[in-house]
Protein backbone atom coordinates (compact mmCIF):
# COMPACT_ATOMS: atom_id res chain seq x y z
CA MET A 1 0.07 0.01 0.09
CA SER A 2 1.37 3.49 -1.04
CA ILE A 3 0.62 6.42 0.71
CA TYR A 4 0.66 9.78 -0.70
CA LEU A 5 0.46 13.18 1.19
CA GLY A 6 -0.38 17.03 -0.16
CA ASN A 7 -1.99 18.73 -2.64
CA LEU A 8 0.64 20.90 -4.19
CA SER A 9 0.10 24.07 -6.60
CA ILE A 10 2.33 25.33 -9.47
CA GLU A 11 3.68 28.16 -7.12
CA ASP A 12 4.73 24.97 -4.42
CA ILE A 13 6.32 23.05 -7.41
CA GLU A 14 8.19 26.29 -8.42
CA LYS A 15 9.29 27.21 -5.14
CA ARG A 16 10.65 23.77 -3.96
CA THR A 17 12.51 23.22 -7.00
CA GLY A 18 13.67 26.81 -8.11
CA ILE A 19 12.26 26.34 -11.50
CA THR A 20 10.04 29.06 -12.73
CA LEU A 21 7.96 27.55 -15.45
CA THR A 22 6.55 29.93 -18.69
CA ASP A 23 3.19 31.62 -18.52
CA GLU A 24 2.15 28.81 -20.81
CA HIS A 25 3.22 26.18 -19.12
CA ARG A 26 1.65 27.65 -15.78
CA ARG A 27 -1.19 28.31 -17.49
CA TYR A 28 -1.73 24.63 -19.07
CA MET A 29 -0.44 23.33 -15.82
CA ASN A 30 -3.56 25.14 -13.82
CA GLU A 31 -6.22 24.12 -16.32
CA HIS A 32 -5.21 20.56 -15.83
CA ARG A 33 -4.89 20.17 -12.18
CA GLN A 34 -7.01 18.17 -9.99
CA MET A 35 -6.98 19.16 -6.78
CA GLU A 36 -9.33 16.59 -5.07
CA VAL A 37 -8.32 12.99 -5.22
CA ASN A 38 -8.83 11.35 -1.87
CA SER A 39 -12.36 9.70 -3.41
CA THR A 40 -11.91 10.01 -6.78
CA PRO A 41 -8.78 8.85 -9.09
CA ILE A 42 -7.22 11.36 -11.51
CA LYS A 43 -9.29 12.23 -14.42
CA GLU A 44 -7.75 11.55 -18.01
CA GLY A 45 -5.60 14.18 -18.72
CA PHE A 46 -5.16 16.00 -15.18
CA TRP A 47 -2.41 15.71 -12.88
CA HIS A 48 -2.27 16.01 -8.83
CA GLY A 49 0.90 17.72 -6.62
CA PHE A 50 2.12 15.38 -3.96
CA ASP A 51 4.07 16.67 -1.44
CA ILE A 52 5.22 13.14 0.27
CA PRO A 53 6.48 11.71 -2.22
CA PHE A 54 7.52 15.21 -3.94
CA MET A 55 5.78 14.34 -7.59
CA ILE A 56 3.20 15.28 -10.25
CA MET A 57 0.95 11.76 -10.52
CA THR A 58 -0.85 11.63 -13.37
CA SER A 59 -3.92 9.82 -14.85
CA ASP A 60 -1.90 7.74 -17.60
CA LYS A 61 1.21 7.08 -18.96
CA GLU A 62 0.43 9.10 -22.33
CA THR A 63 -0.22 12.39 -19.84
CA ALA A 64 3.05 11.65 -17.78
CA LYS A 65 4.87 11.45 -20.64
CA GLU A 66 3.45 14.89 -21.99
CA TYR A 67 4.30 16.46 -18.66
CA VAL A 68 7.56 14.66 -18.92
CA ASP A 69 8.22 16.74 -21.98
CA MET A 70 6.98 19.74 -21.30
CA LEU A 71 9.41 19.74 -17.95
CA SER A 72 12.24 18.66 -20.19
CA ALA A 73 12.51 22.10 -21.51
CA TYR A 74 13.95 23.69 -18.11
CA ASP A 75 17.40 23.52 -16.49
CA TRP A 76 17.04 20.44 -13.64
CA SER A 77 20.23 20.16 -13.21
CA LYS A 78 19.82 23.40 -10.68
CA SER A 79 16.71 22.36 -9.45
CA LYS A 80 16.70 22.57 -5.44
CA GLU A 81 15.26 18.88 -5.25
CA PRO A 82 14.40 16.50 -7.90
CA LEU A 83 10.40 15.91 -8.91
CA ARG A 84 9.08 12.50 -9.73
CA ILE A 85 6.63 12.11 -12.66
CA GLY A 86 4.04 8.99 -12.07
CA TYR A 87 0.95 7.74 -13.27
């Protein structure tokens, strides 16, 4: 059994990583953020940010790949801490 805690916003993720997203990426992620995941699964195409473990959880493999591709545009070598992306 896995336990995931937290409900991180994009701003929270930016603060923890030190990475600043473009306005376009921030807007897209805000439109596809699912805040409630306790009683419902993540909807297709959406994501949820967890604090513990520090990660973006998506609905499916294709959505996870979309976020990996989008976030790969940034210099993660300067990130304060690693961010995982899963589904």
